[in-house]
PDB file of N, CA and C in Angstrom:
ATOM      1  N   SER A   1     109.121  83.682 127.769  1.00  0.00           N
ATOM      2  CA  SER A   1     110.224  82.790 128.051  1.00  0.00           C
ATOM      3  C   SER A   1     109.984  81.410 127.465  1.00  0.00           C
ATOM      4  N   GLY A   2     108.720  80.987 127.319  1.00  0.00           N
ATOM      5  CA  GLY A   2     108.444  79.674 126.763  1.00  0.00           C
ATOM      6  C   GLY A   2     107.859  79.747 125.371  1.00  0.00           C
ATOM      7  N   SER A   3     108.040  80.884 124.696  1.00  0.00           N
ATOM      8  CA  SER A   3     107.452  81.031 123.370  1.00  0.00           C
ATOM      9  C   SER A   3     108.194  80.164 122.361  1.00  0.00           C
ATOM     10  N   LEU A   4     107.546  79.897 121.260  1.00  0.00           N
ATOM     11  CA  LEU A   4     108.120  79.050 120.218  1.00  0.00           C
ATOM     12  C   LEU A   4     109.435  79.635 119.698  1.00  0.00           C
ATOM     13  N   ILE A   5     109.455  80.927 119.473  1.00  0.00           N
ATOM     14  CA  ILE A   5     110.669  81.561 118.960  1.00  0.00           C
ATOM     15  C   ILE A   5     111.797  81.458 119.981  1.00  0.00           C
ATOM     16  N   HIS A   6     111.468  81.654 121.245  1.00  0.00           N
ATOM     17  CA  HIS A   6     112.476  81.548 122.299  1.00  0.00           C
ATOM     18  C   HIS A   6     113.035  80.125 122.368  1.00  0.00           C
ATOM     19  N   VAL A   7     112.151  79.137 122.257  1.00  0.00           N
ATOM     20  CA  VAL A   7     112.595  77.734 122.308  1.00  0.00           C
ATOM     21  C   VAL A   7     113.497  77.421 121.120  1.00  0.00           C
ATOM     22  N   ILE A   8     113.115  77.874 119.920  1.00  0.00           N
ATOM     23  CA  ILE A   8     113.952  77.642 118.733  1.00  0.00           C
ATOM     24  C   ILE A   8     115.313  78.297 118.923  1.00  0.00           C
ATOM     25  N   TRP A   9     115.324  79.532 119.431  1.00  0.00           N
ATOM     26  CA  TRP A   9     116.581  80.248 119.657  1.00  0.00           C
ATOM     27  C   TRP A   9     117.475  79.471 120.617  1.00  0.00           C
ATOM     28  N   GLU A  10     116.904  79.002 121.712  1.00  0.00           N
ATOM     29  CA  GLU A  10     117.683  78.297 122.731  1.00  0.00           C
ATOM     30  C   GLU A  10     118.113  76.906 122.274  1.00  0.00           C
ATOM     31  N   GLU A  11     117.234  76.170 121.594  1.00  0.00           N
ATOM     32  CA  GLU A  11     117.511  74.776 121.235  1.00  0.00           C
ATOM     33  C   GLU A  11     118.340  74.649 119.963  1.00  0.00           C
ATOM     34  N   VAL A  12     118.068  75.497 118.954  1.00  0.00           N
ATOM     35  CA  VAL A  12     118.703  75.318 117.646  1.00  0.00           C
ATOM     36  C   VAL A  12     119.667  76.457 117.314  1.00  0.00           C
ATOM     37  N   GLY A  13     119.379  77.659 117.807  1.00  0.00           N
ATOM     38  CA  GLY A  13     120.285  78.776 117.568  1.00  0.00           C
ATOM     39  C   GLY A  13     119.603  79.949 116.884  1.00  0.00           C
ATOM     40  N   PRO A  14     120.322  81.082 116.829  1.00  0.00           N
ATOM     41  CA  PRO A  14     119.735  82.300 116.272  1.00  0.00           C
ATOM     42  C   PRO A  14     119.455  82.224 114.773  1.00  0.00           C
ATOM     43  N   ASP A  15     120.281  81.480 114.028  1.00  0.00           N
ATOM     44  CA  ASP A  15     120.023  81.361 112.587  1.00  0.00           C
ATOM     45  C   ASP A  15     118.721  80.623 112.325  1.00  0.00           C
ATOM     46  N   ALA A  16     118.446  79.593 113.084  1.00  0.00           N
ATOM     47  CA  ALA A  16     117.199  78.848 112.926  1.00  0.00           C
ATOM     48  C   ALA A  16     116.005  79.726 113.303  1.00  0.00           C
ATOM     49  N   ALA A  17     116.150  80.535 114.349  1.00  0.00           N
ATOM     50  CA  ALA A  17     115.067  81.434 114.751  1.00  0.00           C
ATOM     51  C   ALA A  17     114.809  82.472 113.664  1.00  0.00           C
ATOM     52  N   ARG A  18     115.899  82.988 113.068  1.00  0.00           N
ATOM     53  CA  ARG A  18     115.758  83.954 111.979  1.00  0.00           C
ATOM     54  C   ARG A  18     115.050  83.330 110.795  1.00  0.00           C
ATOM     55  N   LYS A  19     115.443  82.106 110.411  1.00  0.00           N
ATOM     56  CA  LYS A  19     114.794  81.414 109.295  1.00  0.00           C
ATOM     57  C   LYS A  19     113.323  81.139 109.604  1.00  0.00           C
ATOM     58  N   PHE A  20     113.046  80.739 110.838  1.00  0.00           N
ATOM     59  CA  PHE A  20     111.663  80.473 111.224  1.00  0.00           C
ATOM     60  C   PHE A  20     110.810  81.737 111.072  1.00  0.00           C
ATOM     61  N   LEU A  21     111.330  82.864 111.575  1.00  0.00           N
ATOM     62  CA  LEU A  21     110.583  84.120 111.455  1.00  0.00           C
ATOM     63  C   LEU A  21     110.393  84.521 109.996  1.00  0.00           C
ATOM     64  N   GLY A  22     111.438  84.378 109.199  1.00  0.00           N
ATOM     65  CA  GLY A  22     111.343  84.722 107.779  1.00  0.00           C
ATOM     66  C   GLY A  22     110.329  83.862 107.049  1.00  0.00           C
ATOM     67  N   HIS A  23     110.374  82.557 107.292  1.00  0.00           N
ATOM     68  CA  HIS A  23     109.437  81.649 106.622  1.00  0.00           C
ATOM     69  C   HIS A  23     108.002  81.858 107.118  1.00  0.00           C
ATOM     70  N   THR A  24     107.865  82.137 108.401  1.00  0.00           N
ATOM     71  CA  THR A  24     106.527  82.406 108.933  1.00  0.00           C
ATOM     72  C   THR A  24     105.950  83.667 108.303  1.00  0.00           C
ATOM     73  N   GLN A  25     106.772  84.688 108.160  1.00  0.00           N
ATOM     74  CA  GLN A  25     106.308  85.924 107.530  1.00  0.00           C
ATOM     75  C   GLN A  25     105.944  85.677 106.075  1.00  0.00           C
ATOM     76  N   TRP A  26     106.733  84.880 105.372  1.00  0.00           N
ATOM     77  CA  TRP A  26     106.424  84.551 103.982  1.00  0.00           C
ATOM     78  C   TRP A  26     105.091  83.824 103.903  1.00  0.00           C
ATOM     79  N   LEU A  27     104.868  82.870 104.801  1.00  0.00           N
ATOM     80  CA  LEU A  27     103.623  82.106 104.817  1.00  0.00           C
ATOM     81  C   LEU A  27     102.421  83.017 105.074  1.00  0.00           C
ATOM     82  N   VAL A  28     102.547  83.914 106.033  1.00  0.00           N
ATOM     83  CA  VAL A  28     101.448  84.840 106.341  1.00  0.00           C
ATOM     84  C   VAL A  28     101.187  85.767 105.156  1.00  0.00           C
ATOM     85  N   ASN A  29     102.242  86.294 104.549  1.00  0.00           N
ATOM     86  CA  ASN A  29     102.069  87.162 103.378  1.00  0.00           C
ATOM     87  C   ASN A  29     101.384  86.423 102.242  1.00  0.00           C
ATOM     88  N   TYR A  30     101.788  85.184 101.987  1.00  0.00           N
ATOM     89  CA  TYR A  30     101.175  84.392 100.920  1.00  0.00           C
ATOM     90  C   TYR A  30      99.697  84.162 101.216  1.00  0.00           C
ATOM     91  N   TRP A  31      99.400  83.814 102.459  1.00  0.00           N
ATOM     92  CA  TRP A  31      98.001  83.577 102.833  1.00  0.00           C
ATOM     93  C   TRP A  31      97.175  84.847 102.646  1.00  0.00           C
ATOM     94  N   LEU A  32      97.717  85.993 103.068  1.00  0.00           N
ATOM     95  CA  LEU A  32      96.987  87.248 102.906  1.00  0.00           C
ATOM     96  C   LEU A  32      96.754  87.580 101.437  1.00  0.00           C
ATOM     97  N   LEU A  33      97.736  87.282 100.588  1.00  0.00           N
ATOM     98  CA  LEU A  33      97.552  87.526  99.159  1.00  0.00           C
ATOM     99  C   LEU A  33      96.447  86.654  98.584  1.00  0.00           C
ATOM    100  N   GLN A  34      96.341  85.420  99.055  1.00  0.00           N
ATOM    101  CA  GLN A  34      95.337  84.498  98.536  1.00  0.00           C
ATOM    102  C   GLN A  34      93.965  84.716  99.171  1.00  0.00           C
ATOM    103  N   GLN A  35      93.931  84.986 100.453  1.00  0.00           N
ATOM    104  CA  GLN A  35      92.671  85.050 101.187  1.00  0.00           C
ATOM    105  C   GLN A  35      92.291  86.459 101.631  1.00  0.00           C
ATOM    106  N   GLY A  36      93.228  87.352 101.639  1.00  0.00           N
ATOM    107  CA  GLY A  36      92.979  88.689 102.158  1.00  0.00           C
ATOM    108  C   GLY A  36      92.132  89.509 101.214  1.00  0.00           C
ATOM    109  N   PHE A  37      91.961  90.753 101.553  1.00  0.00           N
ATOM    110  CA  PHE A  37      91.196  91.647 100.719  1.00  0.00           C
ATOM    111  C   PHE A  37      91.837  93.023 100.747  1.00  0.00           C
ATOM    112  N   SER A  38      91.465  93.814  99.793  1.00  0.00           N
ATOM    113  CA  SER A  38      91.926  95.193  99.770  1.00  0.00           C
ATOM    114  C   SER A  38      90.776  96.049  99.273  1.00  0.00           C
ATOM    115  N   ILE A  39      90.854  97.313  99.567  1.00  0.00           N
ATOM    116  CA  ILE A  39      89.837  98.230  99.089  1.00  0.00           C
ATOM    117  C   ILE A  39      90.522  99.379  98.383  1.00  0.00           C
ATOM    118  N   GLY A  40      89.796  99.956  97.474  1.00  0.00           N
ATOM    119  CA  GLY A  40      90.279 101.127  96.777  1.00  0.00           C
ATOM    120  C   GLY A  40      89.391 102.312  97.097  1.00  0.00           C
ATOM    121  N   ILE A  41      89.736 103.456  96.562  1.00  0.00           N
ATOM    122  CA  ILE A  41      88.958 104.660  96.820  1.00  0.00           C
ATOM    123  C   ILE A  41      87.537 104.507  96.299  1.00  0.00           C
ATOM    124  N   GLY A  42      87.373 103.762  95.234  1.00  0.00           N
ATOM    125  CA  GLY A  42      86.039 103.542  94.677  1.00  0.00           C
ATOM    126  C   GLY A  42      85.119 102.779  95.607  1.00  0.00           C
ATOM    127  N   ASP A  43      85.699 101.983  96.497  1.00  0.00           N
ATOM    128  CA  ASP A  43      84.893 101.218  97.449  1.00  0.00           C
ATOM    129  C   ASP A  43      84.321 102.097  98.555  1.00  0.00           C
ATOM    130  N   THR A  44      84.853 103.292  98.707  1.00  0.00           N
ATOM    131  CA  THR A  44      84.390 104.175  99.776  1.00  0.00           C
ATOM    132  C   THR A  44      83.327 105.160  99.313  1.00  0.00           C
ATOM    133  N   ILE A  45      83.026 105.171  98.026  1.00  0.00           N
ATOM    134  CA  ILE A  45      82.034 106.098  97.484  1.00  0.00           C
ATOM    135  C   ILE A  45      80.684 105.397  97.445  1.00  0.00           C
ATOM    136  N   ALA A  46      79.688 106.034  98.048  1.00  0.00           N
ATOM    137  CA  ALA A  46      78.347 105.443  98.111  1.00  0.00           C
ATOM    138  C   ALA A  46      77.687 105.499  96.740  1.00  0.00           C
ATOM    139  N   ASP A  47      76.840 104.504  96.463  1.00  0.00           N
ATOM    140  CA  ASP A  47      76.116 104.497  95.195  1.00  0.00           C
ATOM    141  C   ASP A  47      74.975 105.519  95.240  1.00  0.00           C
ATOM    142  N   ALA A  48      74.302 105.712  94.109  1.00  0.00           N
ATOM    143  CA  ALA A  48      73.281 106.755  93.993  1.00  0.00           C
ATOM    144  C   ALA A  48      72.114 106.524  94.947  1.00  0.00           C
ATOM    145  N   ALA A  49      71.675 105.282  95.091  1.00  0.00           N
ATOM    146  CA  ALA A  49      70.544 104.989  95.979  1.00  0.00           C
ATOM    147  C   ALA A  49      70.888 105.302  97.434  1.00  0.00           C
ATOM    148  N   THR A  50      72.094 104.966  97.841  1.00  0.00           N
ATOM    149  CA  THR A  50      72.525 105.250  99.210  1.00  0.00           C
ATOM    150  C   THR A  50      72.626 106.749  99.443  1.00  0.00           C
ATOM    151  N   MET A  51      73.185 107.471  98.484  1.00  0.00           N
ATOM    152  CA  MET A  51      73.282 108.928  98.616  1.00  0.00           C
ATOM    153  C   MET A  51      71.901 109.562  98.697  1.00  0.00           C
ATOM    154  N   GLU A  52      70.955 109.039  97.928  1.00  0.00           N
ATOM    155  CA  GLU A  52      69.587 109.561  97.976  1.00  0.00           C
ATOM    156  C   GLU A  52      68.983 109.348  99.358  1.00  0.00           C
ATOM    157  N   THR A  53      69.189 108.166  99.928  1.00  0.00           N
ATOM    158  CA  THR A  53      68.686 107.877 101.273  1.00  0.00           C
ATOM    159  C   THR A  53      69.319 108.812 102.298  1.00  0.00           C
ATOM    160  N   ILE A  54      70.617 109.022 102.189  1.00  0.00           N
ATOM    161  CA  ILE A  54      71.321 109.915 103.113  1.00  0.00           C
ATOM    162  C   ILE A  54      70.789 111.339 102.987  1.00  0.00           C
ATOM    163  N   ASN A  55      70.641 111.818 101.755  1.00  0.00           N
ATOM    164  CA  ASN A  55      70.148 113.183 101.544  1.00  0.00           C
ATOM    165  C   ASN A  55      68.726 113.357 102.061  1.00  0.00           C
ATOM    166  N   GLU A  56      67.871 112.350 101.850  1.00  0.00           N
ATOM    167  CA  GLU A  56      66.500 112.420 102.360  1.00  0.00           C
ATOM    168  C   GLU A  56      66.494 112.459 103.884  1.00  0.00           C
ATOM    169  N   THR A  57      67.335 111.649 104.494  1.00  0.00           N
ATOM    170  CA  THR A  57      67.403 111.609 105.953  1.00  0.00           C
ATOM    171  C   THR A  57      67.891 112.938 106.515  1.00  0.00           C
ATOM    172  N   ILE A  58      68.893 113.528 105.873  1.00  0.00           N
ATOM    173  CA  ILE A  58      69.402 114.828 106.319  1.00  0.00           C
ATOM    174  C   ILE A  58      68.330 115.899 106.172  1.00  0.00           C
ATOM    175  N   SER A  59      67.625 115.900 105.047  1.00  0.00           N
ATOM    176  CA  SER A  59      66.562 116.885 104.834  1.00  0.00           C
ATOM    177  C   SER A  59      65.459 116.737 105.872  1.00  0.00           C
ATOM    178  N   LYS A  60      65.097 115.495 106.160  1.00  0.00           N
ATOM    179  CA  LYS A  60      64.057 115.237 107.157  1.00  0.00           C
ATOM    180  C   LYS A  60      64.504 115.729 108.535  1.00  0.00           C
ATOM    181  N   ALA A  61      65.746 115.457 108.902  1.00  0.00           N
ATOM    182  CA  ALA A  61      66.267 115.894 110.201  1.00  0.00           C
ATOM    183  C   ALA A  61      66.313 117.416 110.282  1.00  0.00           C
ATOM    184  N   LYS A  62      66.734 118.074 109.192  1.00  0.00           N
ATOM    185  CA  LYS A  62      66.757 119.538 109.181  1.00  0.00           C
ATOM    186  C   LYS A  62      65.356 120.104 109.372  1.00  0.00           C
ATOM    187  N   ALA A  63      64.375 119.507 108.695  1.00  0.00           N
ATOM    188  CA  ALA A  63      62.994 119.977 108.818  1.00  0.00           C
ATOM    189  C   ALA A  63      62.485 119.806 110.249  1.00  0.00           C
ATOM    190  N   GLU A  64      62.799 118.679 110.860  1.00  0.00           N
ATOM    191  CA  GLU A  64      62.369 118.445 112.244  1.00  0.00           C
ATOM    192  C   GLU A  64      63.019 119.444 113.195  1.00  0.00           C
ATOM    193  N   VAL A  65      64.302 119.729 112.997  1.00  0.00           N
ATOM    194  CA  VAL A  65      64.993 120.697 113.854  1.00  0.00           C
ATOM    195  C   VAL A  65      64.415 122.090 113.636  1.00  0.00           C
ATOM    196  N   ASN A  66      64.147 122.456 112.382  1.00  0.00           N
ATOM    197  CA  ASN A  66      63.540 123.763 112.111  1.00  0.00           C
ATOM    198  C   ASN A  66      62.173 123.878 112.770  1.00  0.00           C
ATOM    199  N   GLN A  67      61.412 122.791 112.769  1.00  0.00           N
ATOM    200  CA  GLN A  67      60.108 122.795 113.428  1.00  0.00           C
ATOM    201  C   GLN A  67      60.275 122.997 114.939  1.00  0.00           C
ATOM    202  N   LEU A  68      61.270 122.335 115.520  1.00  0.00           N
ATOM    203  CA  LEU A  68      61.536 122.528 116.947  1.00  0.00           C
ATOM    204  C   LEU A  68      61.950 123.969 117.246  1.00  0.00           C
ATOM    205  N   ILE A  69      62.731 124.565 116.357  1.00  0.00           N
ATOM    206  CA  ILE A  69      63.148 125.959 116.536  1.00  0.00           C
ATOM    207  C   ILE A  69      61.932 126.881 116.497  1.00  0.00           C
ATOM    208  N   GLN A  70      61.042 126.636 115.539  1.00  0.00           N
ATOM    209  CA  GLN A  70      59.827 127.455 115.453  1.00  0.00           C
ATOM    210  C   GLN A  70      58.974 127.305 116.706  1.00  0.00           C
ATOM    211  N   LEU A  71      58.822 126.078 117.187  1.00  0.00           N
ATOM    212  CA  LEU A  71      58.053 125.858 118.412  1.00  0.00           C
ATOM    213  C   LEU A  71      58.693 126.577 119.594  1.00  0.00           C
ATOM    214  N   ALA A  72      60.012 126.578 119.642  1.00  0.00           N
ATOM    215  CA  ALA A  72      60.709 127.262 120.732  1.00  0.00           C
ATOM    216  C   ALA A  72      60.496 128.772 120.655  1.00  0.00           C
ATOM    217  N   HIS A  73      60.556 129.335 119.433  1.00  0.00           N
ATOM    218  CA  HIS A  73      60.329 130.774 119.271  1.00  0.00           C
ATOM    219  C   HIS A  73      58.901 131.157 119.649  1.00  0.00           C
ATOM    220  N   GLN A  74      57.965 130.262 119.387  1.00  0.00           N
ATOM    221  CA  GLN A  74      56.553 130.518 119.705  1.00  0.00           C
ATOM    222  C   GLN A  74      56.230 130.184 121.162  1.00  0.00           C
ATOM    223  N   LYS A  75      57.238 129.723 121.882  1.00  0.00           N
ATOM    224  CA  LYS A  75      57.078 129.295 123.282  1.00  0.00           C
ATOM    225  C   LYS A  75      56.026 128.194 123.402  1.00  0.00           C
ATOM    226  N   ALA A  76      55.992 127.322 122.405  1.00  0.00           N
ATOM    227  CA  ALA A  76      55.023 126.229 122.378  1.00  0.00           C
ATOM    228  C   ALA A  76      55.633 124.906 122.844  1.00  0.00           C
ATOM    229  N   LEU A  77      56.926 124.899 123.112  1.00  0.00           N
ATOM    230  CA  LEU A  77      57.566 123.681 123.618  1.00  0.00           C
ATOM    231  C   LEU A  77      57.268 123.520 125.099  1.00  0.00           C
ATOM    232  N   GLU A  78      57.083 122.295 125.507  1.00  0.00           N
ATOM    233  CA  GLU A  78      56.889 122.022 126.927  1.00  0.00           C
ATOM    234  C   GLU A  78      58.213 121.533 127.507  1.00  0.00           C
ATOM    235  N   ALA A  79      58.512 122.015 128.696  1.00  0.00           N
ATOM    236  CA  ALA A  79      59.737 121.577 129.368  1.00  0.00           C
ATOM    237  C   ALA A  79      59.574 120.135 129.830  1.00  0.00           C
ATOM    238  N   GLU A  80      60.615 119.353 129.626  1.00  0.00           N
ATOM    239  CA  GLU A  80      60.598 117.968 130.090  1.00  0.00           C
ATOM    240  C   GLU A  80      60.799 117.955 131.600  1.00  0.00           C
ATOM    241  N   PRO A  81      60.284 116.942 132.270  1.00  0.00           N
ATOM    242  CA  PRO A  81      60.425 116.889 133.731  1.00  0.00           C
ATOM    243  C   PRO A  81      61.894 116.942 134.160  1.00  0.00           C
ATOM    244  N   GLY A  82      62.187 117.851 135.088  1.00  0.00           N
ATOM    245  CA  GLY A  82      63.540 117.978 135.616  1.00  0.00           C
ATOM    246  C   GLY A  82      64.491 118.761 134.738  1.00  0.00           C
ATOM    247  N   ARG A  83      63.981 119.376 133.667  1.00  0.00           N
ATOM    248  CA  ARG A  83      64.835 120.135 132.756  1.00  0.00           C
ATOM    249  C   ARG A  83      64.261 121.523 132.541  1.00  0.00           C
ATOM    250  N   THR A  84      65.169 122.438 132.241  1.00  0.00           N
ATOM    251  CA  THR A  84      64.716 123.772 131.859  1.00  0.00           C
ATOM    252  C   THR A  84      64.226 123.714 130.422  1.00  0.00           C
ATOM    253  N   MET A  85      63.612 124.804 129.980  1.00  0.00           N
ATOM    254  CA  MET A  85      63.124 124.858 128.599  1.00  0.00           C
ATOM    255  C   MET A  85      64.289 124.703 127.617  1.00  0.00           C
ATOM    256  N   MET A  86      65.401 125.365 127.913  1.00  0.00           N
ATOM    257  CA  MET A  86      66.563 125.287 127.020  1.00  0.00           C
ATOM    258  C   MET A  86      67.133 123.869 126.990  1.00  0.00           C
ATOM    259  N   GLU A  87      67.219 123.225 128.141  1.00  0.00           N
ATOM    260  CA  GLU A  87      67.713 121.846 128.195  1.00  0.00           C
ATOM    261  C   GLU A  87      66.774 120.904 127.448  1.00  0.00           C
ATOM    262  N   SER A  88      65.478 121.137 127.565  1.00  0.00           N
ATOM    263  CA  SER A  88      64.497 120.310 126.859  1.00  0.00           C
ATOM    264  C   SER A  88      64.636 120.484 125.350  1.00  0.00           C
ATOM    265  N   PHE A  89      64.792 121.739 124.918  1.00  0.00           N
ATOM    266  CA  PHE A  89      64.984 122.016 123.495  1.00  0.00           C
ATOM    267  C   PHE A  89      66.240 121.327 122.982  1.00  0.00           C
ATOM    268  N   GLU A  90      67.336 121.491 123.717  1.00  0.00           N
ATOM    269  CA  GLU A  90      68.605 120.879 123.311  1.00  0.00           C
ATOM    270  C   GLU A  90      68.484 119.358 123.257  1.00  0.00           C
ATOM    271  N   ASN A  91      67.800 118.773 124.221  1.00  0.00           N
ATOM    272  CA  ASN A  91      67.626 117.323 124.250  1.00  0.00           C
ATOM    273  C   ASN A  91      66.840 116.841 123.038  1.00  0.00           C
ATOM    274  N   ARG A  92      65.774 117.550 122.697  1.00  0.00           N
ATOM    275  CA  ARG A  92      64.964 117.137 121.539  1.00  0.00           C
ATOM    276  C   ARG A  92      65.738 117.269 120.234  1.00  0.00           C
ATOM    277  N   VAL A  93      66.495 118.355 120.096  1.00  0.00           N
ATOM    278  CA  VAL A  93      67.317 118.526 118.892  1.00  0.00           C
ATOM    279  C   VAL A  93      68.353 117.406 118.807  1.00  0.00           C
ATOM    280  N   ASN A  94      68.998 117.098 119.915  1.00  0.00           N
ATOM    281  CA  ASN A  94      69.989 116.012 119.925  1.00  0.00           C
ATOM    282  C   ASN A  94      69.353 114.676 119.583  1.00  0.00           C
ATOM    283  N   GLN A  95      68.142 114.425 120.050  1.00  0.00           N
ATOM    284  CA  GLN A  95      67.453 113.178 119.716  1.00  0.00           C
ATOM    285  C   GLN A  95      67.240 113.067 118.212  1.00  0.00           C
ATOM    286  N   VAL A  96      66.795 114.166 117.597  1.00  0.00           N
ATOM    287  CA  VAL A  96      66.565 114.165 116.148  1.00  0.00           C
ATOM    288  C   VAL A  96      67.874 113.928 115.406  1.00  0.00           C
ATOM    289  N   LEU A  97      68.917 114.649 115.797  1.00  0.00           N
ATOM    290  CA  LEU A  97      70.196 114.546 115.084  1.00  0.00           C
ATOM    291  C   LEU A  97      70.892 113.209 115.332  1.00  0.00           C
ATOM    292  N   ASN A  98      70.735 112.640 116.514  1.00  0.00           N
ATOM    293  CA  ASN A  98      71.346 111.336 116.798  1.00  0.00           C
ATOM    294  C   ASN A  98      70.607 110.205 116.104  1.00  0.00           C
ATOM    295  N   LYS A  99      69.347 110.408 115.803  1.00  0.00           N
ATOM    296  CA  LYS A  99      68.548 109.391 115.126  1.00  0.00           C
ATOM    297  C   LYS A  99      68.872 109.335 113.626  1.00  0.00           C
ATOM    298  N   ALA A 100      69.302 110.454 113.054  1.00  0.00           N
ATOM    299  CA  ALA A 100      69.531 110.546 111.610  1.00  0.00           C
ATOM    300  C   ALA A 100      70.555 109.541 111.078  1.00  0.00           C
ATOM    301  N   PRO A 101      71.737 109.380 111.679  1.00  0.00           N
ATOM    302  CA  PRO A 101      72.691 108.400 111.136  1.00  0.00           C
ATOM    303  C   PRO A 101      72.157 106.967 111.173  1.00  0.00           C
ATOM    304  N   ASP A 102      71.377 106.648 112.204  1.00  0.00           N
ATOM    305  CA  ASP A 102      70.805 105.301 112.276  1.00  0.00           C
ATOM    306  C   ASP A 102      69.820 105.069 111.140  1.00  0.00           C
ATOM    307  N   GLU A 103      69.001 106.072 110.850  1.00  0.00           N
ATOM    308  CA  GLU A 103      68.028 105.938 109.770  1.00  0.00           C
ATOM    309  C   GLU A 103      68.708 105.897 108.409  1.00  0.00           C
ATOM    310  N   ALA A 104      69.744 106.687 108.228  1.00  0.00           N
ATOM    311  CA  ALA A 104      70.437 106.726 106.935  1.00  0.00           C
ATOM    312  C   ALA A 104      71.212 105.443 106.676  1.00  0.00           C
ATOM    313  N   GLY A 105      71.679 104.803 107.740  1.00  0.00           N
ATOM    314  CA  GLY A 105      72.496 103.605 107.575  1.00  0.00           C
ATOM    315  C   GLY A 105      71.713 102.335 107.401  1.00  0.00           C
ATOM    316  N   SER A 106      70.416 102.373 107.615  1.00  0.00           N
ATOM    317  CA  SER A 106      69.642 101.126 107.519  1.00  0.00           C
ATOM    318  C   SER A 106      69.018 100.946 106.163  1.00  0.00           C
TER     319      SER A 106
END
């Protein structure tokens, strides 16, 4: 009720409010053109070094999970306190997989 547009509408009229909105939009568009930014599809593609880091991290995580699977098959995993063997296995696998994006992104 006390907004600038409402005050212009009430004090000066609807044509003035329309002009105000139009000019404000023009000003914002001009500012965005001068100060804003845009991205293209090329900006979303990782460079070779980043891809190498990501691939290494994925390979490392796969190896760790495979090692956990082997330990589980050999019944060499220890159950974590308050968890069954299956819950412990799942928790360890999730820890490895949740750690991978953090390592790849740094």
